Amino acid sequence: MFVEVSYITITSSTAKPHYVAILAGATSFCTCMNIINQGMPCQHQYQILLQSDKAVFHIGFIHTRWFESMPSETSRYAYT
């Protein structure tokens, strides 16, 4: 279920604009697919974190491959 959908353009970039959807449970998804392809939130999602009171960041949104070591208390939330 969608909680909020935003149309994002980054003015310092020549890239296409994207949509960021905030889903139930505070998970966000961007049409650029960076979180799927790279395993970390994109600049569009970070922009939504600054603009929306419904967006939430959690360390588990970053794939474990980007960590040298994973703190045990966050491992159950890890995006693997």
N, C-alpha and C. Protein backbone atom coordinates (compact mmCIF):
# COMPACT_ATOMS: atom_id res chain seq x y z
N MET A 1 0.83 -1.17 0.00
CA MET A 1 0.00 0.00 0.00
C MET A 1 0.89 1.25 0.00
N PHE A 2 0.56 2.19 -0.85
CA PHE A 2 1.30 3.44 -0.93
C PHE A 2 0.82 4.41 0.16
N VAL A 3 1.77 5.03 0.82
CA VAL A 3 1.46 6.06 1.80
C VAL A 3 1.61 7.43 1.15
N GLU A 4 2.64 7.56 0.31
CA GLU A 4 2.91 8.84 -0.37
C GLU A 4 3.73 8.56 -1.62
N VAL A 5 3.47 9.30 -2.68
CA VAL A 5 4.26 9.22 -3.91
C VAL A 5 4.71 10.62 -4.26
N SER A 6 6.01 10.77 -4.54
CA SER A 6 6.57 12.09 -4.86
C SER A 6 7.29 12.07 -6.19
N TYR A 7 7.20 13.16 -6.90
CA TYR A 7 7.90 13.36 -8.18
C TYR A 7 9.15 14.17 -7.85
N ILE A 8 10.33 13.62 -8.14
CA ILE A 8 11.59 14.24 -7.73
C ILE A 8 12.43 14.59 -8.96
N THR A 9 12.91 15.81 -8.99
CA THR A 9 13.92 16.21 -9.96
C THR A 9 15.09 16.78 -9.17
N ILE A 10 16.27 16.41 -9.56
CA ILE A 10 17.48 16.93 -8.93
C ILE A 10 18.01 18.02 -9.85
N THR A 11 18.00 19.26 -9.40
CA THR A 11 18.33 20.38 -10.27
C THR A 11 19.79 20.41 -10.70
N SER A 12 20.67 19.82 -9.90
CA SER A 12 22.08 19.83 -10.27
C SER A 12 22.44 18.68 -11.20
N SER A 13 21.45 17.92 -11.61
CA SER A 13 21.70 16.75 -12.43
C SER A 13 20.98 16.89 -13.78
N THR A 14 21.53 16.26 -14.80
CA THR A 14 20.88 16.24 -16.11
C THR A 14 20.04 14.97 -16.27
N ALA A 15 19.98 14.16 -15.22
CA ALA A 15 19.23 12.91 -15.27
C ALA A 15 17.73 13.16 -15.30
N LYS A 16 17.00 12.14 -15.71
CA LYS A 16 15.54 12.21 -15.76
C LYS A 16 14.97 12.32 -14.34
N PRO A 17 13.80 12.92 -14.21
CA PRO A 17 13.13 12.93 -12.91
C PRO A 17 12.59 11.53 -12.58
N HIS A 18 12.38 11.27 -11.30
CA HIS A 18 11.92 9.96 -10.85
C HIS A 18 10.79 10.11 -9.84
N TYR A 19 10.09 9.01 -9.63
CA TYR A 19 9.06 8.94 -8.60
C TYR A 19 9.61 8.15 -7.43
N VAL A 20 9.33 8.62 -6.23
CA VAL A 20 9.67 7.88 -5.02
C VAL A 20 8.37 7.59 -4.29
N ALA A 21 8.14 6.32 -4.02
CA ALA A 21 6.95 5.90 -3.30
C ALA A 21 7.35 5.49 -1.89
N ILE A 22 6.59 5.99 -0.92
CA ILE A 22 6.77 5.55 0.45
C ILE A 22 5.67 4.55 0.71
N LEU A 23 6.07 3.35 1.09
CA LEU A 23 5.13 2.27 1.31
C LEU A 23 4.80 2.13 2.79
N ALA A 24 3.76 1.38 3.09
CA ALA A 24 3.43 1.09 4.48
C ALA A 24 4.64 0.43 5.13
N GLY A 25 4.93 0.77 6.35
CA GLY A 25 6.12 0.26 7.02
C GLY A 25 7.32 1.16 6.79
N ALA A 26 7.12 2.31 6.16
CA ALA A 26 8.15 3.34 5.94
C ALA A 26 9.22 2.95 4.94
N THR A 27 9.04 1.89 4.20
CA THR A 27 9.98 1.53 3.14
C THR A 27 9.75 2.46 1.96
N SER A 28 10.83 2.90 1.33
CA SER A 28 10.68 3.75 0.15
C SER A 28 11.27 3.05 -1.07
N PHE A 29 10.72 3.38 -2.22
CA PHE A 29 11.13 2.76 -3.48
C PHE A 29 11.18 3.84 -4.55
N CYS A 30 12.26 3.88 -5.30
CA CYS A 30 12.43 4.87 -6.35
C CYS A 30 12.45 4.20 -7.72
N THR A 31 11.94 4.91 -8.71
CA THR A 31 11.91 4.36 -10.07
C THR A 31 13.30 4.27 -10.71
N CYS A 32 14.31 4.87 -10.10
CA CYS A 32 15.67 4.73 -10.65
C CYS A 32 16.27 3.36 -10.31
N MET A 33 15.65 2.65 -9.36
CA MET A 33 16.03 1.28 -8.99
C MET A 33 17.41 1.17 -8.35
N ASN A 34 17.99 2.25 -7.87
CA ASN A 34 19.32 2.20 -7.27
C ASN A 34 19.36 1.28 -6.05
N ILE A 35 18.31 1.29 -5.24
CA ILE A 35 18.31 0.43 -4.05
C ILE A 35 18.33 -1.05 -4.42
N ILE A 36 17.79 -1.39 -5.56
CA ILE A 36 17.81 -2.78 -6.04
C ILE A 36 19.15 -3.08 -6.71
N ASN A 37 19.61 -2.20 -7.59
CA ASN A 37 20.84 -2.44 -8.36
C ASN A 37 22.12 -2.24 -7.56
N GLN A 38 22.16 -1.24 -6.69
CA GLN A 38 23.38 -0.92 -5.95
C GLN A 38 23.33 -1.32 -4.48
N GLY A 39 22.12 -1.55 -3.96
CA GLY A 39 22.00 -1.95 -2.57
C GLY A 39 22.06 -0.81 -1.58
N MET A 40 21.74 0.39 -2.04
CA MET A 40 21.68 1.53 -1.12
C MET A 40 20.72 2.57 -1.66
N PRO A 41 20.15 3.38 -0.76
CA PRO A 41 19.21 4.42 -1.20
C PRO A 41 19.86 5.39 -2.18
N CYS A 42 19.05 5.93 -3.07
CA CYS A 42 19.54 6.87 -4.08
C CYS A 42 19.38 8.31 -3.61
N GLN A 43 19.87 9.23 -4.43
CA GLN A 43 19.77 10.65 -4.10
C GLN A 43 18.31 11.12 -4.05
N HIS A 44 17.45 10.46 -4.80
CA HIS A 44 16.03 10.82 -4.79
C HIS A 44 15.39 10.45 -3.46
N GLN A 45 15.75 9.28 -2.94
CA GLN A 45 15.23 8.85 -1.65
C GLN A 45 15.75 9.75 -0.52
N TYR A 46 17.01 10.14 -0.61
CA TYR A 46 17.55 11.06 0.40
C TYR A 46 16.84 12.41 0.34
N GLN A 47 16.48 12.85 -0.85
CA GLN A 47 15.74 14.11 -0.99
C GLN A 47 14.38 14.00 -0.31
N ILE A 48 13.72 12.86 -0.46
CA ILE A 48 12.43 12.64 0.19
C ILE A 48 12.59 12.61 1.71
N LEU A 49 13.70 12.06 2.20
CA LEU A 49 13.94 12.06 3.64
C LEU A 49 13.98 13.49 4.19
N LEU A 50 14.48 14.41 3.39
CA LEU A 50 14.54 15.81 3.82
C LEU A 50 13.18 16.51 3.70
N GLN A 51 12.35 16.08 2.77
CA GLN A 51 11.11 16.79 2.47
C GLN A 51 9.86 16.22 3.13
N SER A 52 9.84 14.94 3.41
CA SER A 52 8.62 14.30 3.88
C SER A 52 8.72 13.88 5.34
N ASP A 53 7.65 14.08 6.06
CA ASP A 53 7.63 13.61 7.45
C ASP A 53 7.23 12.14 7.54
N LYS A 54 6.86 11.53 6.42
CA LYS A 54 6.49 10.12 6.39
C LYS A 54 7.67 9.20 6.06
N ALA A 55 8.73 9.76 5.51
CA ALA A 55 9.90 8.97 5.13
C ALA A 55 10.78 8.72 6.35
N VAL A 56 11.31 7.50 6.44
CA VAL A 56 12.16 7.11 7.56
C VAL A 56 13.39 6.40 6.99
N PHE A 57 14.55 6.69 7.59
CA PHE A 57 15.76 5.99 7.19
C PHE A 57 16.08 4.93 8.23
N HIS A 58 16.50 3.77 7.74
CA HIS A 58 16.98 2.71 8.62
C HIS A 58 18.24 2.14 8.00
N ILE A 59 19.21 1.83 8.84
CA ILE A 59 20.49 1.29 8.37
C ILE A 59 20.29 -0.02 7.58
N GLY A 60 19.20 -0.72 7.83
CA GLY A 60 18.90 -1.95 7.11
C GLY A 60 18.59 -1.74 5.64
N PHE A 61 18.35 -0.48 5.21
CA PHE A 61 18.12 -0.19 3.80
C PHE A 61 19.40 -0.31 2.98
N ILE A 62 20.54 -0.32 3.64
CA ILE A 62 21.84 -0.45 2.95
C ILE A 62 22.25 -1.92 2.97
N HIS A 63 22.55 -2.45 1.82
CA HIS A 63 22.93 -3.86 1.68
C HIS A 63 24.18 -4.15 2.50
N THR A 64 24.23 -5.34 3.08
CA THR A 64 25.34 -5.72 3.95
C THR A 64 26.69 -5.74 3.24
N ARG A 65 26.71 -5.83 1.93
CA ARG A 65 27.99 -5.84 1.22
C ARG A 65 28.76 -4.53 1.37
N TRP A 66 28.06 -3.45 1.75
CA TRP A 66 28.70 -2.16 1.92
C TRP A 66 29.32 -1.97 3.31
N PHE A 67 29.14 -2.92 4.19
CA PHE A 67 29.69 -2.83 5.54
C PHE A 67 30.91 -3.72 5.68
N GLU A 68 31.91 -3.19 6.37
CA GLU A 68 33.07 -4.00 6.70
C GLU A 68 32.66 -5.04 7.75
N SER A 69 31.87 -4.61 8.72
CA SER A 69 31.27 -5.52 9.69
C SER A 69 29.88 -4.97 10.02
N MET A 70 28.97 -5.89 10.29
CA MET A 70 27.58 -5.50 10.55
C MET A 70 27.31 -5.59 12.03
N PRO A 71 26.88 -4.50 12.66
CA PRO A 71 26.52 -4.57 14.08
C PRO A 71 25.41 -5.59 14.30
N SER A 72 25.53 -6.41 15.33
CA SER A 72 24.59 -7.51 15.55
C SER A 72 23.16 -7.04 15.74
N GLU A 73 22.95 -5.89 16.35
CA GLU A 73 21.59 -5.43 16.60
C GLU A 73 20.87 -4.98 15.33
N THR A 74 21.58 -4.73 14.24
CA THR A 74 20.93 -4.35 12.99
C THR A 74 20.86 -5.48 11.99
N SER A 75 21.51 -6.60 12.26
CA SER A 75 21.58 -7.68 11.27
C SER A 75 20.21 -8.29 10.97
N ARG A 76 19.28 -8.26 11.90
CA ARG A 76 17.97 -8.84 11.61
C ARG A 76 17.14 -7.98 10.68
N TYR A 77 17.53 -6.72 10.48
CA TYR A 77 16.83 -5.81 9.57
C TYR A 77 17.56 -5.65 8.25
N ALA A 78 18.64 -6.33 8.07
CA ALA A 78 19.52 -6.10 6.91
C ALA A 78 18.84 -6.49 5.60
N TYR A 79 19.11 -5.67 4.59
CA TYR A 79 18.67 -5.92 3.23
C TYR A 79 19.70 -6.84 2.61
N THR A 80 19.35 -8.11 2.40
CA THR A 80 20.32 -9.07 1.88
C THR A 80 19.91 -9.58 0.52
